[in-house]
N, C-alpha and C. Protein backbone atom coordinates (compact mmCIF):
# COMPACT_ATOMS: atom_id res chain seq x y z
N MET A 1 20.93 -6.69 -7.30
CA MET A 1 19.26 -7.05 -7.61
C MET A 1 18.43 -6.07 -6.58
N PRO A 2 17.22 -5.48 -7.55
CA PRO A 2 16.49 -4.62 -7.03
C PRO A 2 15.51 -5.12 -6.07
N LYS A 3 15.36 -4.94 -4.80
CA LYS A 3 14.59 -4.89 -4.18
C LYS A 3 12.64 -5.52 -4.60
N ARG A 4 11.90 -6.38 -4.05
CA ARG A 4 10.32 -6.53 -4.98
C ARG A 4 9.54 -6.62 -3.75
N SER A 5 8.04 -5.85 -3.87
CA SER A 5 7.75 -6.08 -2.78
C SER A 5 6.08 -6.52 -3.51
N ALA A 6 5.24 -6.59 -2.69
CA ALA A 6 4.08 -7.64 -3.14
C ALA A 6 3.12 -6.57 -1.79
N GLY A 7 2.23 -6.29 -3.01
CA GLY A 7 1.17 -5.81 -2.09
C GLY A 7 -0.33 -5.83 -2.73
N ILE A 8 -1.41 -5.75 -1.97
CA ILE A 8 -2.94 -5.55 -2.37
C ILE A 8 -3.48 -3.84 -2.35
N LEU A 9 -4.41 -3.84 -3.52
CA LEU A 9 -5.81 -2.52 -3.65
C LEU A 9 -6.73 -2.95 -3.20
N LEU A 10 -7.24 -2.98 -2.31
CA LEU A 10 -8.07 -3.08 -1.54
C LEU A 10 -9.14 -2.03 -2.46
N TYR A 11 -10.36 -2.66 -3.22
CA TYR A 11 -11.36 -1.36 -3.77
C TYR A 11 -12.78 -1.57 -2.78
N ARG A 12 -13.46 -0.69 -3.14
CA ARG A 12 -15.11 -0.76 -2.60
C ARG A 12 -16.14 -0.12 -4.09
N ARG A 13 -17.20 -0.42 -3.38
CA ARG A 13 -18.71 0.31 -4.20
C ARG A 13 -18.94 0.76 -4.28
N ARG A 14 -19.31 2.08 -3.42
CA ARG A 14 -19.98 2.62 -3.14
C ARG A 14 -21.35 3.53 -4.27
N GLY A 15 -22.56 2.16 -4.42
CA GLY A 15 -23.12 3.15 -5.01
C GLY A 15 -22.43 2.79 -6.77
N GLU A 16 -22.16 3.84 -7.77
CA GLU A 16 -21.74 3.91 -8.78
C GLU A 16 -20.41 4.12 -8.74
N VAL A 17 -19.76 4.84 -7.61
CA VAL A 17 -18.71 5.00 -7.49
C VAL A 17 -17.51 3.87 -6.46
N LEU A 18 -16.20 3.99 -7.43
CA LEU A 18 -15.40 2.86 -6.99
C LEU A 18 -14.90 3.91 -5.81
N GLU A 19 -13.92 2.77 -4.95
CA GLU A 19 -13.37 3.47 -3.66
C GLU A 19 -11.78 2.85 -3.26
N PHE A 20 -10.91 3.73 -2.95
CA PHE A 20 -9.53 2.30 -3.27
C PHE A 20 -8.83 2.83 -1.67
N LEU A 21 -8.93 1.71 -0.74
CA LEU A 21 -8.32 2.06 0.38
C LEU A 21 -6.74 2.43 -0.22
N LEU A 22 -5.65 3.27 0.62
CA LEU A 22 -4.87 3.29 0.63
C LEU A 22 -4.08 4.05 1.76
N VAL A 23 -2.57 3.75 2.04
CA VAL A 23 -1.84 3.66 3.32
C VAL A 23 -0.84 5.07 3.27
N HIS A 24 -0.81 5.64 4.22
CA HIS A 24 0.03 6.54 4.33
C HIS A 24 1.23 6.31 5.20
N PRO A 25 2.72 6.07 4.53
CA PRO A 25 3.93 6.11 5.40
C PRO A 25 4.02 6.58 6.13
N GLY A 26 4.42 5.98 7.35
CA GLY A 26 5.18 6.17 8.75
C GLY A 26 6.59 6.59 8.86
N GLY A 27 6.49 7.28 9.82
CA GLY A 27 8.52 8.11 10.09
C GLY A 27 8.52 9.35 9.50
N PRO A 28 9.88 9.53 10.04
CA PRO A 28 9.91 11.29 10.04
C PRO A 28 9.66 12.08 8.35
N PHE A 29 10.12 11.21 7.56
CA PHE A 29 10.79 11.36 6.38
C PHE A 29 9.08 11.58 5.56
N TRP A 30 8.11 11.40 5.93
CA TRP A 30 7.21 11.10 5.42
C TRP A 30 5.95 12.19 6.39
N ALA A 31 6.34 12.12 7.33
CA ALA A 31 5.53 13.03 8.66
C ALA A 31 4.83 14.10 7.39
N LYS A 32 5.15 14.80 6.47
CA LYS A 32 4.60 16.74 6.16
C LYS A 32 4.32 16.49 4.64
N ARG A 33 4.22 14.97 4.03
CA ARG A 33 4.01 14.50 2.64
C ARG A 33 2.62 14.16 2.56
N ASP A 34 1.75 14.42 1.68
CA ASP A 34 0.81 13.93 1.66
C ASP A 34 -0.23 13.53 0.04
N ARG A 35 0.57 14.74 -0.90
CA ARG A 35 0.07 14.34 -2.00
C ARG A 35 1.22 13.28 -2.95
N GLY A 36 0.60 12.43 -3.50
CA GLY A 36 1.95 11.99 -4.32
C GLY A 36 2.69 10.73 -3.08
N ALA A 37 2.23 10.68 -1.90
CA ALA A 37 3.02 10.11 -0.62
C ALA A 37 1.85 8.76 -0.48
N TRP A 38 0.86 8.21 -0.89
CA TRP A 38 0.19 7.57 -0.45
C TRP A 38 1.10 6.28 -1.20
N SER A 39 -0.01 4.93 -0.13
CA SER A 39 0.62 4.13 -1.31
C SER A 39 0.00 2.60 -1.01
N ILE A 40 -0.08 1.58 -1.88
CA ILE A 40 -1.48 0.18 -1.47
C ILE A 40 -0.25 -0.34 -0.41
N PRO A 41 -1.37 -1.13 0.59
CA PRO A 41 -0.20 -1.45 1.81
C PRO A 41 0.35 -2.92 0.63
N LYS A 42 1.77 -2.92 1.36
CA LYS A 42 2.68 -3.34 0.47
C LYS A 42 4.07 -3.57 1.25
N GLY A 43 4.75 -4.73 0.45
CA GLY A 43 6.39 -4.93 1.72
C GLY A 43 7.17 -5.70 1.01
N GLU A 44 8.16 -5.79 1.22
CA GLU A 44 9.42 -6.80 0.60
C GLU A 44 8.96 -7.92 1.01
N TYR A 45 9.22 -9.24 0.37
CA TYR A 45 9.12 -10.19 0.74
C TYR A 45 10.70 -11.19 -0.21
N ALA A 46 10.83 -12.12 0.51
CA ALA A 46 12.00 -12.66 0.29
C ALA A 46 11.84 -13.28 -0.86
N ALA A 47 13.54 -13.51 -1.60
CA ALA A 47 13.54 -14.60 -3.08
C ALA A 47 13.00 -15.80 -2.98
N GLY A 48 12.31 -16.30 -3.45
CA GLY A 48 11.79 -17.94 -3.18
C GLY A 48 10.71 -17.93 -2.87
N GLU A 49 9.66 -16.82 -1.98
CA GLU A 49 8.79 -16.40 -1.46
C GLU A 49 7.68 -15.94 -2.58
N ASP A 50 6.35 -16.97 -2.30
CA ASP A 50 5.33 -16.56 -3.35
C ASP A 50 4.40 -15.48 -2.93
N ALA A 51 4.97 -15.01 -4.06
CA ALA A 51 4.03 -12.86 -3.67
C ALA A 51 2.76 -12.60 -3.33
N LEU A 52 1.84 -13.73 -3.63
CA LEU A 52 0.09 -13.53 -3.09
C LEU A 52 0.44 -13.42 -1.30
N PRO A 53 0.77 -14.47 -1.10
CA PRO A 53 0.99 -14.97 0.40
C PRO A 53 1.61 -13.83 1.02
N ALA A 54 2.51 -13.21 0.38
CA ALA A 54 3.34 -11.79 1.38
C ALA A 54 2.64 -11.17 0.91
N ALA A 55 1.96 -10.70 -0.11
CA ALA A 55 1.05 -8.92 -0.21
C ALA A 55 0.16 -9.39 1.34
N VAL A 56 -0.85 -10.73 1.44
CA VAL A 56 -2.06 -10.33 2.08
C VAL A 56 -1.06 -10.81 3.53
N ARG A 57 0.01 -11.20 3.72
CA ARG A 57 0.61 -11.15 5.02
C ARG A 57 1.46 -9.07 5.38
N GLU A 58 1.81 -8.45 4.37
CA GLU A 58 1.92 -6.96 4.01
C GLU A 58 0.56 -6.26 4.59
N PHE A 59 -0.50 -6.62 3.98
CA PHE A 59 -1.65 -6.09 4.37
C PHE A 59 -2.03 -6.11 5.45
N GLU A 60 -1.99 -7.48 6.33
CA GLU A 60 -2.32 -7.36 7.17
C GLU A 60 -1.65 -6.71 8.27
N GLU A 61 -0.25 -6.72 7.99
CA GLU A 61 0.89 -6.06 9.22
C GLU A 61 0.64 -4.50 8.93
N GLU A 62 0.29 -3.74 7.81
CA GLU A 62 0.42 -2.76 8.17
C GLU A 62 -0.87 -2.37 8.04
N THR A 63 -1.99 -2.68 8.05
CA THR A 63 -3.68 -2.22 8.30
C THR A 63 -4.37 -2.78 9.76
N GLY A 64 -4.14 -3.89 9.43
CA GLY A 64 -4.38 -5.11 10.89
C GLY A 64 -5.68 -5.47 9.93
N MET A 65 -5.76 -6.01 9.19
CA MET A 65 -7.08 -6.68 8.79
C MET A 65 -6.50 -7.99 7.61
N ARG A 66 -7.20 -8.75 7.40
CA ARG A 66 -7.03 -9.75 6.64
C ARG A 66 -7.24 -10.18 5.50
N PRO A 67 -7.13 -9.83 4.28
CA PRO A 67 -7.92 -9.27 3.28
C PRO A 67 -8.00 -11.09 2.80
N SER A 68 -9.41 -10.85 2.33
CA SER A 68 -9.77 -12.40 1.56
C SER A 68 -10.61 -11.96 0.97
N GLY A 69 -10.92 -12.97 -0.71
CA GLY A 69 -12.02 -13.02 -1.82
C GLY A 69 -11.14 -13.00 -2.88
N SER A 70 -11.77 -13.11 -4.17
CA SER A 70 -10.78 -13.21 -5.33
C SER A 70 -10.10 -12.32 -5.87
N PHE A 71 -8.63 -12.50 -5.51
CA PHE A 71 -7.75 -11.51 -6.00
C PHE A 71 -7.00 -11.48 -7.47
N LEU A 72 -7.56 -10.58 -8.12
CA LEU A 72 -7.24 -9.90 -9.24
C LEU A 72 -5.53 -9.39 -9.33
N PRO A 73 -4.92 -10.38 -10.54
CA PRO A 73 -3.41 -9.80 -10.47
C PRO A 73 -3.45 -8.13 -11.35
N LEU A 74 -2.64 -7.82 -10.83
CA LEU A 74 -2.55 -6.62 -11.81
C LEU A 74 -1.10 -6.23 -12.11
N GLY A 75 -0.39 -7.43 -11.64
CA GLY A 75 0.85 -7.62 -12.17
C GLY A 75 1.90 -6.52 -11.70
N GLU A 76 3.02 -5.87 -12.43
CA GLU A 76 4.35 -5.52 -11.57
C GLU A 76 4.52 -4.03 -12.18
N ILE A 77 5.09 -3.24 -11.74
CA ILE A 77 5.60 -1.94 -11.75
C ILE A 77 7.22 -1.65 -11.11
N ILE A 78 7.71 -0.44 -11.33
CA ILE A 78 9.12 -0.14 -11.03
C ILE A 78 9.00 1.17 -10.54
N GLN A 79 9.56 1.07 -9.64
CA GLN A 79 8.91 2.21 -8.87
C GLN A 79 10.73 2.85 -8.61
N ALA A 80 10.26 4.21 -8.31
CA ALA A 80 11.70 5.30 -8.51
C ALA A 80 12.74 4.48 -6.98
N GLY A 81 13.64 4.31 -7.60
CA GLY A 81 14.69 3.88 -6.67
C GLY A 81 14.62 2.02 -7.25
N ARG A 82 14.16 1.90 -8.42
CA ARG A 82 14.12 0.82 -9.30
C ARG A 82 13.20 -0.84 -8.31
N LYS A 83 12.75 -0.34 -7.31
CA LYS A 83 11.59 -1.24 -6.51
C LYS A 83 10.67 -1.91 -7.99
N ILE A 84 10.58 -3.69 -7.67
CA ILE A 84 9.64 -3.89 -8.04
C ILE A 84 8.54 -4.18 -6.97
N VAL A 85 7.42 -3.57 -7.52
CA VAL A 85 6.24 -4.11 -6.80
C VAL A 85 5.38 -4.69 -7.80
N VAL A 86 4.65 -5.62 -7.14
CA VAL A 86 3.24 -6.35 -7.42
C VAL A 86 2.80 -6.64 -7.11
N ALA A 87 1.10 -6.81 -7.40
CA ALA A 87 0.04 -6.42 -6.64
C ALA A 87 -1.70 -7.16 -7.52
N TRP A 88 -1.83 -7.05 -6.17
CA TRP A 88 -3.37 -7.73 -6.92
C TRP A 88 -4.42 -6.79 -5.89
N ALA A 89 -5.76 -6.80 -6.46
CA ALA A 89 -6.60 -6.10 -6.23
C ALA A 89 -7.87 -6.95 -5.83
N VAL A 90 -8.40 -6.84 -4.79
CA VAL A 90 -9.95 -7.37 -3.74
C VAL A 90 -10.34 -6.17 -3.96
N GLU A 91 -11.85 -7.00 -3.46
CA GLU A 91 -13.31 -6.16 -3.54
C GLU A 91 -13.50 -6.05 -1.69
N GLY A 92 -13.71 -5.42 -1.41
CA GLY A 92 -13.85 -5.58 0.38
C GLY A 92 -14.04 -4.56 1.12
N ASP A 93 -14.26 -4.25 2.17
CA ASP A 93 -14.25 -3.22 2.93
C ASP A 93 -13.43 -3.09 4.23
N PHE A 94 -12.96 -1.80 4.62
CA PHE A 94 -12.13 -1.93 5.88
C PHE A 94 -12.64 -0.56 6.49
N ASP A 95 -12.81 -0.29 7.57
CA ASP A 95 -12.99 0.77 8.67
C ASP A 95 -11.35 1.50 9.03
N PRO A 96 -11.61 2.25 8.51
CA PRO A 96 -9.80 3.16 9.05
C PRO A 96 -9.84 3.22 10.30
N ALA A 97 -11.09 3.11 11.44
CA ALA A 97 -11.13 3.02 12.57
C ALA A 97 -10.12 1.70 13.49
N GLN A 98 -10.20 1.34 12.85
CA GLN A 98 -9.81 0.02 13.16
C GLN A 98 -8.78 -0.15 12.97
N PHE A 99 -8.00 0.87 12.31
CA PHE A 99 -6.54 1.01 11.41
C PHE A 99 -5.15 0.54 12.90
N ARG A 100 -4.51 -0.41 11.99
CA ARG A 100 -3.35 -0.44 13.07
C ARG A 100 -2.11 -1.39 12.63
N SER A 101 -0.90 -0.50 12.46
CA SER A 101 0.13 -0.47 11.86
C SER A 101 1.23 -1.53 12.61
N ASN A 102 2.12 -2.34 11.80
CA ASN A 102 3.41 -2.85 13.22
C ASN A 102 4.25 -1.55 12.87
N THR A 103 5.34 -1.64 13.51
CA THR A 103 6.08 -0.47 13.86
C THR A 103 8.37 -1.35 13.01
N PHE A 104 8.80 0.44 13.10
CA PHE A 104 10.36 -0.30 12.61
C PHE A 104 10.95 0.82 13.34
N THR A 105 11.72 0.40 14.02
CA THR A 105 13.24 1.85 14.59
C THR A 105 14.12 2.00 13.54
N THR A 106 14.23 3.34 13.76
CA THR A 106 15.42 3.71 12.59
C THR A 106 16.79 5.12 13.98
N GLU A 107 17.44 5.20 13.42
CA GLU A 107 18.52 6.32 14.23
C GLU A 107 17.72 7.60 13.44
N TRP A 108 17.27 8.28 14.99
CA TRP A 108 16.27 9.62 15.09
C TRP A 108 16.59 10.50 15.91
N PRO A 109 17.42 11.97 15.53
CA PRO A 109 17.13 12.09 14.10
C PRO A 109 18.74 11.60 13.86
N PRO A 110 19.08 11.87 12.33
CA PRO A 110 19.98 11.56 12.07
C PRO A 110 21.54 11.92 13.01
N ARG A 111 22.35 10.79 12.07
CA ARG A 111 23.40 10.79 13.12
C ARG A 111 23.33 11.24 14.65
N SER A 112 22.10 10.94 15.25
CA SER A 112 22.30 11.57 16.86
C SER A 112 22.42 10.60 17.59
N GLY A 113 22.53 8.83 17.13
CA GLY A 113 23.18 7.94 17.79
C GLY A 113 21.64 6.85 18.93
N ARG A 114 20.48 8.12 18.49
CA ARG A 114 19.34 7.38 19.35
C ARG A 114 18.35 6.95 18.45
N GLU A 115 18.00 5.71 19.12
CA GLU A 115 17.01 5.43 18.38
C GLU A 115 15.32 5.52 18.32
N ALA A 116 14.56 5.68 17.25
CA ALA A 116 13.09 5.98 17.21
C ALA A 116 12.62 4.86 17.08
N THR A 117 10.87 4.56 17.53
CA THR A 117 10.63 3.87 17.03
C THR A 117 9.38 4.53 16.51
N PHE A 118 8.81 4.26 15.08
CA PHE A 118 7.33 4.73 14.30
C PHE A 118 6.46 3.66 13.70
N PRO A 119 5.54 3.40 13.62
CA PRO A 119 4.60 2.94 13.40
C PRO A 119 4.82 2.99 10.91
N GLU A 120 4.86 1.65 10.79
CA GLU A 120 5.22 1.43 9.08
C GLU A 120 4.31 2.81 8.33
N VAL A 121 3.58 2.85 8.63
CA VAL A 121 2.22 3.44 7.97
C VAL A 121 1.37 3.75 9.10
N ASP A 122 1.00 4.89 8.75
CA ASP A 122 0.61 5.88 10.43
C ASP A 122 -0.97 6.10 9.89
N ARG A 123 -1.47 6.12 8.66
CA ARG A 123 -2.51 5.87 8.46
C ARG A 123 -3.36 5.65 7.49
N ALA A 124 -4.36 5.35 7.28
CA ALA A 124 -5.15 4.59 6.49
C ALA A 124 -6.65 5.23 5.44
N ALA A 125 -6.99 5.08 4.75
CA ALA A 125 -7.81 6.06 4.49
C ALA A 125 -8.50 5.47 3.07
N TRP A 126 -9.79 5.73 2.90
CA TRP A 126 -10.31 5.60 1.30
C TRP A 126 -9.90 6.67 0.56
N PHE A 127 -10.24 6.43 -0.55
CA PHE A 127 -10.43 8.01 -1.66
C PHE A 127 -10.75 7.37 -2.85
N SER A 128 -11.71 8.20 -3.01
CA SER A 128 -12.60 8.34 -4.79
C SER A 128 -11.20 7.99 -5.65
N LEU A 129 -11.85 7.70 -7.00
CA LEU A 129 -10.79 7.43 -8.44
C LEU A 129 -9.83 8.93 -8.10
N SER A 130 -10.75 9.74 -8.35
CA SER A 130 -9.67 11.62 -8.63
C SER A 130 -8.59 11.92 -7.22
N GLU A 131 -9.24 11.40 -6.61
CA GLU A 131 -8.33 11.72 -5.03
C GLU A 131 -7.21 10.33 -4.79
N ALA A 132 -7.87 9.25 -5.17
CA ALA A 132 -6.16 8.52 -5.11
C ALA A 132 -5.66 8.63 -6.21
N GLU A 133 -5.76 9.06 -7.06
CA GLU A 133 -4.50 9.48 -8.85
C GLU A 133 -4.06 10.33 -8.24
N ASP A 134 -4.32 11.59 -7.09
CA ASP A 134 -4.07 12.49 -6.64
C ASP A 134 -2.88 11.97 -5.89
N LYS A 135 -3.11 11.27 -4.42
CA LYS A 135 -2.74 10.71 -3.30
C LYS A 135 -1.60 9.93 -3.51
N ILE A 136 -1.75 8.81 -4.62
CA ILE A 136 -0.77 7.63 -4.51
C ILE A 136 0.51 8.01 -5.61
N LEU A 137 1.71 6.68 -4.81
CA LEU A 137 2.84 7.22 -5.36
C LEU A 137 2.90 7.09 -7.18
N ALA A 138 3.27 7.87 -7.86
CA ALA A 138 3.23 8.40 -8.67
C ALA A 138 3.00 6.84 -9.43
N ALA A 139 4.00 5.66 -9.75
CA ALA A 139 3.93 4.79 -10.35
C ALA A 139 2.77 3.50 -10.27
N GLN A 140 2.52 4.05 -8.90
CA GLN A 140 1.32 3.09 -8.57
C GLN A 140 0.55 3.41 -9.05
N ARG A 141 -0.10 4.23 -9.36
CA ARG A 141 -1.38 4.49 -10.53
C ARG A 141 -1.23 4.09 -11.51
N THR A 142 -0.57 3.05 -11.80
CA THR A 142 -0.66 1.91 -12.96
C THR A 142 -1.46 0.98 -12.00
N PHE A 143 -1.59 0.61 -11.29
CA PHE A 143 -2.45 -0.70 -10.31
C PHE A 143 -3.83 -0.12 -10.57
N ILE A 144 -4.26 1.28 -10.47
CA ILE A 144 -5.24 1.73 -10.11
C ILE A 144 -6.32 1.84 -11.68
N ALA A 145 -5.38 1.82 -12.92
CA ALA A 145 -5.79 1.91 -14.35
C ALA A 145 -5.78 1.01 -14.39
N ARG A 146 -5.23 -0.13 -14.08
CA ARG A 146 -5.37 -1.96 -14.64
C ARG A 146 -6.16 -2.28 -13.86
N LEU A 147 -6.76 -2.20 -12.61
CA LEU A 147 -7.50 -2.48 -11.60
C LEU A 147 -9.25 -1.92 -12.92
N ILE A 148 -9.50 -0.72 -12.70
CA ILE A 148 -10.36 -0.34 -13.65
C ILE A 148 -10.54 -0.88 -15.00
N ALA A 149 -9.76 -0.99 -15.85
CA ALA A 149 -9.45 -1.51 -17.02
C ALA A 149 -9.97 -3.02 -17.09
N LEU A 150 -9.84 -4.23 -15.82
CA LEU A 150 -10.50 -5.51 -15.46
C LEU A 150 -11.97 -5.09 -14.80
N LEU A 151 -12.05 -3.89 -14.43
CA LEU A 151 -13.07 -4.56 -13.73
C LEU A 151 -14.45 -3.48 -14.99
N SER A 152 -14.42 -3.05 -15.99
CA SER A 152 -14.75 -2.82 -17.44
C SER A 152 -14.99 -3.31 -18.50
N ALA A 153 -13.88 -4.24 -18.06
CA ALA A 153 -13.69 -5.41 -19.16
C ALA A 153 -14.81 -6.71 -19.34
C-alpha cells in the first residue's frame, strides 16, 4: 500500500505576480540540495482520515501557521517512491521570519547507534512562478500548473 500525504499550496498576489510558499525538507539528506528539493507543506495521514484537515494540520506543523480560507482542490499526484500526494491551494500570506517546524529523530550518522533530532522543514520561502517551478520537486510542479489553470478559468 503506497504512503499518502496531504498538503497545502499557499499562494499570494503581489500586483500581477503570483508567489508560492514552499518549504525545504530538514535533515542531513537534504542539507546540500536546493533545486528540485523544495515542497508544498505536507505530511502523511492515516487511512480513513479526512485529507483536508490532515493537510491543514501538516501545514501548521511544518510552518507554525494555520491556513484558512477557500481551499481549492488540486487533486492527486504520484511522487517518486510511489507516494500519493493530495493537495489544496489557498490564498494567504505568511512571514517566513515567523516560520517554525516540528522535529524528527533519526539515527545519524548512519549505523552509528546515535540519534539526532532535526527540523522536519528547515526553511520556508516565497517564490515567483519560474522560481517555484525550478525549486519544487518535479512531480509537485503539477500542483502549480493546476492552480494556474484554476485561477485563469
